[in-house]
């Protein structure tokens, strides 16, 4: 680290070291941006400003700025926390197919999933901190008051560990620590199942809220997490393809993978929602049927049928099923609709569980339904949270190299060994060394071309040799190259 001519050099990174130099660097950077990019950053800055003001209004104790009440104690901030938290798990679950199990078509998810997952979990923590007012108590409680019988305690433990694991994973993505990276990816995949399960259990053990209670609540939470994470990856890789960002030639492969995973996840979620509605309408459990009726034929019905079912399930499944819509633009549209459907679903889940009044002793005097409407402060905080995540990721995408790195080290799964042997035998005698050693690290060119053709992206996978993203050890590459020659 050294300072030369008002510039701080941190390795290969040059950072302006004085206020004047910083101001001049920012001005030059803004001048180099296109109009669309400037508008994008301006909108995100406005969203951050709105979120900051609303967060400040939510901090002072005693200020009644939320739309919650004793009858509806969990509002949109709980919805926002659940949405961002489960999306973290979905990102890791989708990427683990490449990072842990070594399936080549999912390798393009690696860097972007880790950055997005870390940002999503950080955003979730920020939202829940504003909801709890005294979040530091939860930190001390998880450490000093051990309660293994409490799902909320386990939720704090898993998500706290999740944050540490994601930080390590992102660090090892940009530094040469492949073994640590392997263990971090594996741990992230495991916690990616446990964390949303315990979050679902926080709702599922509440017998006083029959709409939430039950073993299927954690299952639906994990399925929703998977769809949310895959949908976000679909949106990101649409942007990668549209604006030709780092590693854009593999975006065709990535979007083809998104189509497969998103279709499967949506079918599972649709089945679980159908089971939930059918069970609620036929159940004899007190208050479960009224809550379900409120969802499908009451005040929540327009949002459920129009937003959750039509836009969040039917429309994206139709787009994914029809061959004429297998293009990057329509895949991105299906991802956007799916992600919006997950947010609507989590909103309906939280609100429907509190909509039916219990007793006047609990402070509930509304009839037939409890009144809840999110306040401007709640909406502003969620807008700021989304803007924060989008802003930081946009800056990372612009200034950090997001191409595939030489960090793919997998467990010795049987199918990987078989695949490596098959590639070795199939390599032509005239193939270059990199092609002969095509292992789990580099995206298979034939697969990429097929995925690009499936998406109408013939130009997205031009003939090329694998780059430095191949993760086969250098010695193996050299040996295979000598044999090929």
Protein backbone atom coordinates (compact mmCIF):
# COMPACT_ATOMS: atom_id res chain seq x y z
CA UNK A 1 0.00 0.00 0.00
CA UNK A 2 1.44 3.37 -1.04
CA UNK A 3 0.31 6.88 -1.98
CA UNK A 4 1.51 8.40 -5.25
CA UNK A 5 0.19 11.70 -6.65
CA UNK A 6 -2.93 11.82 -4.44
CA UNK A 7 -3.74 8.20 -5.27
CA UNK A 8 -3.77 5.33 -2.80
CA UNK A 9 -2.64 2.04 -4.34
CA UNK A 10 -3.97 -1.09 -2.62
CA UNK A 11 -2.23 -3.78 -4.60
CA UNK A 12 -3.61 -3.31 -8.13
CA UNK A 13 -6.50 -1.10 -7.02
CA UNK A 14 -6.06 2.67 -7.26
CA UNK A 15 -8.19 4.78 -4.91
CA UNK A 16 -8.19 8.62 -4.79
CA UNK A 17 -6.63 9.66 -1.49
CA UNK A 18 -7.84 13.28 -1.16
CA UNK A 19 -11.31 14.86 -1.29
CA UNK A 20 -10.43 16.79 -4.45
CA UNK A 21 -9.13 13.69 -6.18
CA UNK A 22 -12.24 11.75 -5.12
CA UNK A 23 -14.54 14.47 -6.44
CA UNK A 24 -12.70 14.61 -9.75
CA UNK A 25 -12.72 10.81 -10.07
CA UNK A 26 -16.47 10.66 -9.41
CA UNK A 27 -17.12 13.42 -11.95
CA UNK A 28 -15.06 11.62 -14.60
CA UNK A 29 -16.89 8.37 -13.87
CA UNK A 30 -20.31 9.99 -14.17
CA UNK A 31 -19.32 11.63 -17.45
CA UNK A 32 -18.30 8.23 -18.84
CA UNK A 33 -21.72 6.69 -18.07
CA UNK A 34 -24.52 6.40 -20.58
CA UNK A 35 -27.79 8.25 -19.99
CA UNK A 36 -29.58 5.00 -19.10
CA UNK A 37 -26.93 4.17 -16.51
CA UNK A 38 -27.20 7.62 -14.96
CA UNK A 39 -30.98 7.29 -14.74
CA UNK A 40 -30.62 3.88 -13.13
CA UNK A 41 -28.25 5.15 -10.44
CA UNK A 42 -30.42 8.22 -9.89
CA UNK A 43 -33.49 6.06 -9.27
CA UNK A 44 -31.58 3.84 -6.87
CA UNK A 45 -30.22 6.90 -5.05
CA UNK A 46 -33.76 8.24 -4.67
CA UNK A 47 -34.87 4.87 -3.28
CA UNK A 48 -31.98 4.90 -0.81
CA UNK A 49 -32.90 8.40 0.32
CA UNK A 50 -36.53 7.37 0.89
CA UNK A 51 -35.42 4.29 2.82
CA UNK A 52 -33.01 6.29 4.97
CA UNK A 53 -35.67 8.86 5.93
CA UNK A 54 -38.21 6.15 6.77
CA UNK A 55 -35.61 4.21 8.78
CA UNK A 56 -34.87 7.30 10.85
CA UNK A 57 -38.58 7.75 11.49
CA UNK A 58 -38.85 4.14 12.64
CA UNK A 59 -35.99 4.33 15.16
CA UNK A 60 -37.32 6.58 17.98
CA UNK A 61 -39.23 4.48 20.55
CA UNK A 62 -42.89 5.39 20.93
CA UNK A 63 -43.36 6.83 17.45
CA UNK A 64 -46.42 5.14 15.97
CA UNK A 65 -45.27 5.06 12.36
CA UNK A 66 -46.02 1.41 11.56
CA UNK A 67 -49.33 0.02 10.36
CA UNK A 68 -49.26 -2.80 12.90
CA UNK A 69 -51.53 -3.09 15.92
CA UNK A 70 -52.13 -5.51 18.82
CA UNK A 71 -54.41 -7.44 16.46
CA UNK A 72 -51.88 -7.56 13.60
CA UNK A 73 -48.45 -7.46 15.20
CA UNK A 74 -46.44 -8.66 12.20
CA UNK A 75 -46.52 -6.41 9.16
CA UNK A 76 -44.60 -5.64 5.99
CA UNK A 77 -41.19 -5.52 7.68
CA UNK A 78 -41.62 -9.15 8.68
CA UNK A 79 -42.63 -9.86 5.07
CA UNK A 80 -39.53 -8.05 3.83
CA UNK A 81 -37.25 -9.91 6.22
CA UNK A 82 -38.67 -13.28 5.20
CA UNK A 83 -38.47 -12.39 1.50
CA UNK A 84 -34.81 -11.32 1.52
CA UNK A 85 -33.75 -14.07 3.94
CA UNK A 86 -35.25 -16.95 1.99
CA UNK A 87 -33.98 -15.51 -1.29
CA UNK A 88 -30.48 -15.90 0.14
CA UNK A 89 -31.07 -19.61 0.62
CA UNK A 90 -32.55 -19.99 -2.85
CA UNK A 91 -29.47 -18.44 -4.43
CA UNK A 92 -27.18 -20.85 -2.61
CA UNK A 93 -29.35 -23.89 -3.34
CA UNK A 94 -29.41 -23.14 -7.06
CA UNK A 95 -25.69 -22.47 -7.24
CA UNK A 96 -24.79 -25.53 -5.16
CA UNK A 97 -25.68 -27.70 -8.16
CA UNK A 98 -22.54 -26.29 -9.76
CA UNK A 99 -20.32 -25.31 -6.83
CA UNK A 100 -20.90 -28.44 -4.72
CA UNK A 101 -22.13 -31.13 -7.10
CA UNK A 102 -20.05 -30.03 -10.08
CA UNK A 103 -22.82 -29.98 -12.69
CA UNK A 104 -21.30 -27.86 -15.44
CA UNK A 105 -24.39 -26.09 -16.72
CA UNK A 106 -24.83 -24.42 -13.30
CA UNK A 107 -21.25 -23.16 -12.95
CA UNK A 108 -22.03 -19.67 -14.35
CA UNK A 109 -24.09 -19.01 -11.20
CA UNK A 110 -21.03 -19.12 -8.96
CA UNK A 111 -19.73 -15.58 -8.51
CA UNK A 112 -22.96 -13.70 -8.92
CA UNK A 113 -24.91 -15.97 -6.61
CA UNK A 114 -22.43 -15.46 -3.78
CA UNK A 115 -22.43 -11.67 -4.05
CA UNK A 116 -26.22 -11.56 -4.33
CA UNK A 117 -26.68 -13.96 -1.40
CA UNK A 118 -24.45 -11.88 0.86
CA UNK A 119 -26.26 -8.68 -0.10
CA UNK A 120 -29.67 -10.30 0.32
CA UNK A 121 -28.89 -11.58 3.81
CA UNK A 122 -27.39 -8.24 4.84
CA UNK A 123 -30.53 -6.50 3.61
CA UNK A 124 -32.72 -8.95 5.55
CA UNK A 125 -30.79 -8.22 8.74
CA UNK A 126 -31.22 -4.49 8.21
CA UNK A 127 -34.98 -4.84 7.75
CA UNK A 128 -35.47 -7.02 10.82
CA UNK A 129 -33.30 -4.68 12.87
CA UNK A 130 -35.73 -1.84 12.18
CA UNK A 131 -38.66 -4.11 13.06
CA UNK A 132 -37.18 -5.28 16.36
CA UNK A 133 -36.03 -1.81 17.47
CA UNK A 134 -33.45 -3.46 19.78
CA UNK A 135 -31.79 -6.08 17.55
CA UNK A 136 -28.68 -6.30 19.71
CA UNK A 137 -30.78 -8.17 22.26
CA UNK A 138 -31.33 -10.96 19.76
CA UNK A 139 -27.57 -11.26 19.22
CA UNK A 140 -26.85 -11.52 22.95
CA UNK A 141 -29.84 -13.79 23.44
CA UNK A 142 -28.65 -16.28 20.84
CA UNK A 143 -25.22 -16.43 22.51
CA UNK A 144 -26.02 -16.11 26.22
CA UNK A 145 -29.45 -17.71 26.42
CA UNK A 146 -29.25 -21.05 24.66
CA UNK A 147 -32.71 -22.44 23.87
CA UNK A 148 -32.50 -25.57 21.69
CA UNK A 149 -36.27 -26.04 21.87
CA UNK A 150 -36.93 -22.65 20.28
CA UNK A 151 -37.12 -22.40 16.46
CA UNK A 152 -36.41 -18.67 16.74
CA UNK A 153 -33.14 -19.41 18.55
CA UNK A 154 -32.13 -21.85 15.83
CA UNK A 155 -33.09 -19.29 13.21
CA UNK A 156 -30.71 -16.79 14.79
CA UNK A 157 -27.94 -19.37 14.99
CA UNK A 158 -28.28 -20.54 11.39
CA UNK A 159 -28.59 -17.09 9.85
CA UNK A 160 -25.69 -15.79 11.94
CA UNK A 161 -23.54 -18.68 10.75
CA UNK A 162 -24.86 -18.14 7.24
CA UNK A 163 -23.51 -14.59 7.19
CA UNK A 164 -20.05 -15.77 8.22
CA UNK A 165 -20.03 -18.57 5.63
CA UNK A 166 -21.13 -16.23 2.83
CA UNK A 167 -18.40 -13.72 3.71
CA UNK A 168 -15.82 -16.52 3.51
CA UNK A 169 -17.28 -17.76 0.23
CA UNK A 170 -17.13 -14.34 -1.40
CA UNK A 171 -13.59 -13.83 -0.10
CA UNK A 172 -12.40 -17.15 -1.54
CA UNK A 173 -14.06 -16.37 -4.89
CA UNK A 174 -11.67 -13.47 -5.44
CA UNK A 175 -8.60 -14.98 -3.76
CA UNK A 176 -6.73 -18.21 -4.49
CA UNK A 177 -8.08 -20.41 -1.68
CA UNK A 178 -9.84 -23.26 -3.51
CA UNK A 179 -9.98 -25.71 -0.61
CA UNK A 180 -11.53 -23.18 1.76
CA UNK A 181 -13.90 -22.24 -1.04
CA UNK A 182 -15.02 -25.84 -1.42
CA UNK A 183 -15.89 -26.13 2.26
CA UNK A 184 -17.57 -22.71 2.29
CA UNK A 185 -19.79 -23.63 -0.69
CA UNK A 186 -20.73 -26.93 0.93
CA UNK A 187 -21.55 -25.24 4.24
CA UNK A 188 -23.61 -22.58 2.43
CA UNK A 189 -25.61 -25.28 0.65
CA UNK A 190 -26.32 -27.10 3.91
CA UNK A 191 -27.30 -23.97 5.82
CA UNK A 192 -29.33 -22.92 2.77
CA UNK A 193 -31.75 -25.73 3.66
CA UNK A 194 -31.60 -25.43 7.45
CA UNK A 195 -32.04 -21.64 7.65
CA UNK A 196 -35.37 -21.30 5.77
CA UNK A 197 -36.59 -24.48 7.49
CA UNK A 198 -36.12 -22.94 10.93
CA UNK A 199 -37.60 -19.67 9.67
CA UNK A 200 -40.67 -21.59 8.53
CA UNK A 201 -40.76 -23.37 11.88
CA UNK A 202 -41.01 -20.00 13.65
CA UNK A 203 -44.41 -19.67 11.96
CA UNK A 204 -45.21 -23.38 11.91
CA UNK A 205 -45.14 -23.91 15.70
CA UNK A 206 -47.65 -21.13 16.43
CA UNK A 207 -50.78 -23.13 17.24
CA UNK A 208 -52.59 -19.87 18.01
CA UNK A 209 -52.35 -19.01 14.29
CA UNK A 210 -53.85 -22.06 12.52
CA UNK A 211 -53.08 -20.71 9.04
CA UNK A 212 -49.36 -20.75 9.87
CA UNK A 213 -49.33 -23.86 12.02
CA UNK A 214 -48.17 -27.17 10.58
CA UNK A 215 -45.28 -29.14 9.18
CA UNK A 216 -45.88 -27.98 5.61
CA UNK A 217 -45.06 -24.36 6.46
CA UNK A 218 -41.27 -24.98 6.55
CA UNK A 219 -41.55 -27.06 3.36
CA UNK A 220 -43.31 -24.23 1.53
CA UNK A 221 -40.72 -21.80 2.89
CA UNK A 222 -37.84 -23.82 1.42
CA UNK A 223 -39.63 -24.22 -1.94
CA UNK A 224 -40.39 -20.49 -2.06
CA UNK A 225 -36.76 -19.77 -1.21
CA UNK A 226 -35.59 -21.87 -4.16
CA UNK A 227 -37.93 -20.13 -6.61
CA UNK A 228 -36.98 -16.68 -5.30
CA UNK A 229 -33.25 -17.33 -5.64
CA UNK A 230 -33.53 -18.83 -9.13
CA UNK A 231 -35.78 -15.97 -10.25
CA UNK A 232 -33.25 -13.38 -9.07
CA UNK A 233 -30.49 -15.20 -10.95
CA UNK A 234 -32.71 -15.15 -14.04
CA UNK A 235 -33.12 -11.38 -13.79
CA UNK A 236 -29.40 -10.86 -13.29
CA UNK A 237 -28.35 -13.06 -16.19
CA UNK A 238 -30.90 -11.41 -18.45
CA UNK A 239 -29.14 -8.12 -17.64
CA UNK A 240 -25.75 -9.77 -18.21
CA UNK A 241 -26.88 -10.88 -21.65
CA UNK A 242 -28.67 -7.63 -22.49
CA UNK A 243 -25.78 -5.34 -21.58
CA UNK A 244 -22.94 -7.79 -22.35
CA UNK A 245 -21.40 -7.69 -18.90
CA UNK A 246 -18.51 -9.86 -17.68
CA UNK A 247 -18.79 -13.49 -18.83
CA UNK A 248 -21.81 -12.66 -20.98
CA UNK A 249 -21.07 -15.48 -23.50
CA UNK A 250 -22.15 -18.02 -20.83
CA UNK A 251 -25.41 -16.18 -20.16
CA UNK A 252 -27.17 -18.44 -22.68
CA UNK A 253 -26.12 -21.47 -20.64
CA UNK A 254 -27.15 -19.74 -17.41
CA UNK A 255 -30.57 -18.69 -18.72
CA UNK A 256 -31.23 -22.19 -20.01
CA UNK A 257 -30.47 -23.52 -16.54
CA UNK A 258 -32.73 -20.90 -15.00
CA UNK A 259 -35.60 -22.05 -17.19
CA UNK A 260 -35.25 -25.64 -16.00
CA UNK A 261 -34.92 -24.82 -12.31
CA UNK A 262 -37.59 -22.13 -12.31
CA UNK A 263 -40.17 -24.36 -14.01
CA UNK A 264 -39.56 -27.17 -11.54
CA UNK A 265 -39.67 -24.85 -8.54
CA UNK A 266 -42.89 -23.18 -9.66
CA UNK A 267 -44.61 -26.55 -10.10
CA UNK A 268 -43.64 -27.59 -6.56
CA UNK A 269 -44.78 -24.27 -5.09
CA UNK A 270 -48.08 -24.46 -6.99
CA UNK A 271 -48.70 -27.96 -5.61
CA UNK A 272 -47.95 -26.85 -2.05
CA UNK A 273 -50.24 -23.82 -2.34
CA UNK A 274 -53.03 -26.00 -3.74
CA UNK A 275 -52.58 -28.40 -0.81
CA UNK A 276 -52.65 -25.48 1.63
CA UNK A 277 -55.91 -24.11 0.20
CA UNK A 278 -57.57 -27.53 -0.01
CA UNK A 279 -56.59 -28.39 3.55
CA UNK A 280 -57.79 -25.03 4.85
CA UNK A 281 -61.19 -25.23 3.16
CA UNK A 282 -61.87 -28.76 4.41
CA UNK A 283 -60.33 -28.47 7.88
CA UNK A 284 -62.29 -28.50 11.13
CA UNK A 285 -59.52 -26.66 13.02
CA UNK A 286 -60.95 -23.44 14.51
CA UNK A 287 -60.11 -20.32 12.49
CA UNK A 288 -58.21 -22.20 9.78
CA UNK A 289 -61.12 -22.31 7.37
CA UNK A 290 -62.08 -18.61 7.90
CA UNK A 291 -58.46 -17.60 7.18
CA UNK A 292 -58.43 -19.67 3.99
CA UNK A 293 -61.79 -18.27 2.91
CA UNK A 294 -60.43 -14.76 3.46
CA UNK A 295 -57.55 -15.70 1.17
CA UNK A 296 -59.54 -17.21 -1.71
CA UNK A 297 -62.92 -15.48 -1.45
CA UNK A 298 -62.51 -12.62 1.01
CA UNK A 299 -60.57 -9.36 1.13
CA UNK A 300 -57.32 -11.03 0.01
CA UNK A 301 -58.88 -12.84 -2.97
CA UNK A 302 -58.04 -10.23 -5.68
CA UNK A 303 -54.38 -10.24 -4.70
CA UNK A 304 -54.32 -14.02 -4.38
CA UNK A 305 -55.96 -14.91 -7.69
CA UNK A 306 -54.68 -11.97 -9.70
CA UNK A 307 -51.22 -11.51 -8.24
CA UNK A 308 -50.20 -14.82 -6.74
CA UNK A 309 -51.88 -17.32 -9.06
CA UNK A 310 -52.24 -15.54 -12.41
CA UNK A 311 -49.09 -13.40 -12.50
CA UNK A 312 -46.87 -15.37 -10.11
CA UNK A 313 -47.60 -18.94 -11.22
CA UNK A 314 -49.67 -19.32 -14.40
CA UNK A 315 -47.98 -16.61 -16.47
CA UNK A 316 -44.34 -17.62 -15.80
CA UNK A 317 -45.14 -21.32 -16.25
CA UNK A 318 -46.80 -20.55 -19.58
CA UNK A 319 -43.79 -18.51 -20.70
CA UNK A 320 -41.38 -21.27 -19.68
CA UNK A 321 -43.45 -24.00 -21.33
CA UNK A 322 -43.94 -22.47 -24.78
CA UNK A 323 -40.97 -22.91 -27.16
CA UNK A 324 -41.63 -19.56 -28.89
CA UNK A 325 -40.86 -17.77 -25.63
CA UNK A 326 -37.43 -19.36 -25.12
CA UNK A 327 -35.57 -16.08 -25.48
CA UNK A 328 -33.57 -14.05 -22.96
CA UNK A 329 -36.22 -11.33 -22.78
CA UNK A 330 -39.08 -13.74 -22.00
CA UNK A 331 -36.93 -15.73 -19.58
CA UNK A 332 -36.19 -12.49 -17.75
CA UNK A 333 -39.90 -11.65 -17.76
CA UNK A 334 -40.77 -15.06 -16.29
CA UNK A 335 -38.15 -14.51 -13.59
CA UNK A 336 -39.54 -11.06 -12.72
CA UNK A 337 -43.09 -12.42 -12.48
CA UNK A 338 -41.93 -15.35 -10.36
CA UNK A 339 -40.04 -13.11 -7.95
CA UNK A 340 -43.03 -10.77 -7.64
CA UNK A 341 -45.22 -13.83 -7.01
CA UNK A 342 -42.97 -14.96 -4.16
CA UNK A 343 -43.17 -11.52 -2.54
CA UNK A 344 -46.96 -11.49 -2.90
CA UNK A 345 -47.15 -15.03 -1.52
CA UNK A 346 -45.14 -14.13 1.58
CA UNK A 347 -47.29 -11.03 2.08
CA UNK A 348 -50.51 -13.03 1.83
CA UNK A 349 -49.10 -15.72 4.12
CA UNK A 350 -48.28 -13.26 6.90
CA UNK A 351 -51.46 -11.20 6.57
CA UNK A 352 -53.87 -14.15 6.20
CA UNK A 353 -52.53 -15.70 9.39
CA UNK A 354 -53.53 -12.60 11.36
CA UNK A 355 -56.65 -11.57 9.48
CA UNK A 356 -59.18 -13.61 11.44
CA UNK A 357 -59.75 -12.14 14.93
CA UNK A 358 -59.25 -14.39 17.92
CA UNK A 359 -60.75 -13.02 21.16
CA UNK A 360 -61.37 -9.60 22.67
CA UNK A 361 -59.06 -10.60 25.52
CA UNK A 362 -56.20 -10.52 23.03
CA UNK A 363 -57.07 -6.95 22.12
CA UNK A 364 -58.88 -7.92 18.91
CA UNK A 365 -62.23 -6.19 18.50
CA UNK A 366 -62.47 -6.13 14.69
CA UNK A 367 -65.10 -8.22 12.94
CA UNK A 368 -65.20 -10.14 10.68
CA UNK A 369 -61.57 -9.38 9.80
CA UNK A 370 -58.69 -7.56 11.41
CA UNK A 371 -57.68 -4.36 9.62
CA UNK A 372 -54.11 -4.01 8.48
CA UNK A 373 -52.64 -1.72 5.85
CA UNK A 374 -48.91 -1.00 5.53
CA UNK A 375 -47.90 2.50 6.51
CA UNK A 376 -45.82 4.77 4.25
CA UNK A 377 -42.86 4.20 6.56
CA UNK A 378 -43.04 0.42 6.12
CA UNK A 379 -43.30 0.76 2.35
CA UNK A 380 -40.44 3.28 2.29
CA UNK A 381 -38.17 0.97 4.28
CA UNK A 382 -38.78 -1.89 1.84
CA UNK A 383 -38.15 0.44 -1.11
CA UNK A 384 -34.89 1.52 0.49
CA UNK A 385 -33.91 -2.11 1.18
CA UNK A 386 -34.46 -3.11 -2.45
CA UNK A 387 -32.60 0.00 -3.64
CA UNK A 388 -29.68 -0.76 -1.32
CA UNK A 389 -29.29 -4.29 -2.64
CA UNK A 390 -29.63 -3.19 -6.27
CA UNK A 391 -27.22 -0.27 -5.84
CA UNK A 392 -24.44 -2.27 -4.20
CA UNK A 393 -24.78 -5.11 -6.70
CA UNK A 394 -24.74 -2.66 -9.63
CA UNK A 395 -21.52 -1.15 -8.32
CA UNK A 396 -20.00 -4.60 -7.85
CA UNK A 397 -21.02 -5.61 -11.37
CA UNK A 398 -19.47 -2.42 -12.76
CA UNK A 399 -16.18 -2.33 -10.87
CA UNK A 400 -15.42 -5.92 -9.80
CA UNK A 401 -14.41 -8.63 -12.30
CA UNK A 402 -17.32 -11.08 -12.37
CA UNK A 403 -15.98 -13.54 -14.91
CA UNK A 404 -15.53 -17.17 -13.96
CA UNK A 405 -12.45 -17.75 -11.81
CA UNK A 406 -10.18 -20.73 -11.26
CA UNK A 407 -11.80 -21.73 -7.98
CA UNK A 408 -13.89 -24.78 -8.87
CA UNK A 409 -12.82 -27.61 -6.56
CA UNK A 410 -15.49 -30.24 -6.07
CA UNK A 411 -15.96 -33.28 -3.93
CA UNK A 412 -15.02 -36.51 -5.78
CA UNK A 413 -18.56 -37.34 -6.86
CA UNK A 414 -18.78 -40.47 -9.06
CA UNK A 415 -20.40 -38.63 -11.96
CA UNK A 416 -17.56 -36.08 -12.07
CA UNK A 417 -14.93 -38.80 -12.39
CA UNK A 418 -16.93 -40.47 -15.14
CA UNK A 419 -17.38 -37.14 -16.91
CA UNK A 420 -13.66 -36.33 -16.74
CA UNK A 421 -12.76 -39.76 -18.16
CA UNK A 422 -15.29 -39.32 -20.96
CA UNK A 423 -13.90 -35.90 -21.88
CA UNK A 424 -10.36 -37.24 -21.82
CA UNK A 425 -11.19 -40.10 -24.16
CA UNK A 426 -13.25 -37.91 -26.46
CA UNK A 427 -10.61 -35.18 -26.93
CA UNK A 428 -9.37 -35.20 -30.56
CA UNK A 429 -5.72 -35.57 -31.22
CA UNK A 430 -5.49 -32.06 -32.61
CA UNK A 431 -7.32 -30.45 -29.69
CA UNK A 432 -5.45 -27.84 -27.70
CA UNK A 433 -4.45 -28.61 -24.16
CA UNK A 434 -7.28 -26.57 -22.63
CA UNK A 435 -9.92 -28.42 -24.66
CA UNK A 436 -8.49 -31.84 -23.83
CA UNK A 437 -8.63 -31.01 -20.14
CA UNK A 438 -12.19 -29.73 -20.18
CA UNK A 439 -13.24 -30.60 -16.64
CA UNK A 440 -15.77 -29.33 -14.16
CA UNK A 441 -14.41 -25.78 -14.15
CA UNK A 442 -15.00 -24.61 -17.74
CA UNK A 443 -18.48 -24.49 -19.24
CA UNK A 444 -18.84 -27.23 -21.81
CA UNK A 445 -18.91 -25.52 -25.19
CA UNK A 446 -21.33 -27.94 -26.81
CA UNK A 447 -23.74 -27.59 -23.88
CA UNK A 448 -23.39 -23.83 -24.00
CA UNK A 449 -24.13 -23.77 -27.71
CA UNK A 450 -27.21 -25.95 -27.26
CA UNK A 451 -28.47 -23.73 -24.45
CA UNK A 452 -27.81 -20.63 -26.54
CA UNK A 453 -29.69 -22.10 -29.48
CA UNK A 454 -32.55 -23.04 -27.16
CA UNK A 455 -32.77 -19.42 -26.08
CA UNK A 456 -32.31 -17.94 -29.54
CA UNK A 457 -28.80 -16.83 -28.63
CA UNK A 458 -26.59 -18.25 -31.32
CA UNK A 459 -24.37 -15.24 -30.95
CA UNK A 460 -24.09 -15.77 -27.21
CA UNK A 461 -21.80 -18.78 -27.52
CA UNK A 462 -19.29 -18.08 -30.31
CA UNK A 463 -16.59 -20.57 -31.17
CA UNK A 464 -13.86 -20.02 -28.67
CA UNK A 465 -11.35 -21.81 -26.53
CA UNK A 466 -11.99 -22.09 -22.81
CA UNK A 467 -10.47 -19.24 -20.88
CA UNK A 468 -8.70 -19.17 -17.59
CA UNK A 469 -11.85 -20.25 -15.79
CA UNK A 470 -10.93 -23.90 -16.22
CA UNK A 471 -10.34 -25.39 -12.83
CA UNK A 472 -8.45 -28.50 -13.73
CA UNK A 473 -5.06 -28.33 -11.98
CA UNK A 474 -2.27 -27.01 -14.13
CA UNK A 475 -0.37 -30.30 -13.98
CA UNK A 476 -3.34 -32.24 -15.30
CA UNK A 477 -3.87 -29.73 -18.11
CA UNK A 478 -0.25 -29.98 -19.14
CA UNK A 479 -0.27 -33.75 -19.13
CA UNK A 480 -3.47 -33.95 -21.14
CA UNK A 481 -2.11 -31.40 -23.58
CA UNK A 482 1.04 -33.45 -24.16
CA UNK A 483 -1.03 -36.57 -24.76
CA UNK A 484 -3.33 -34.71 -27.15
CA UNK A 485 -0.37 -33.41 -29.11
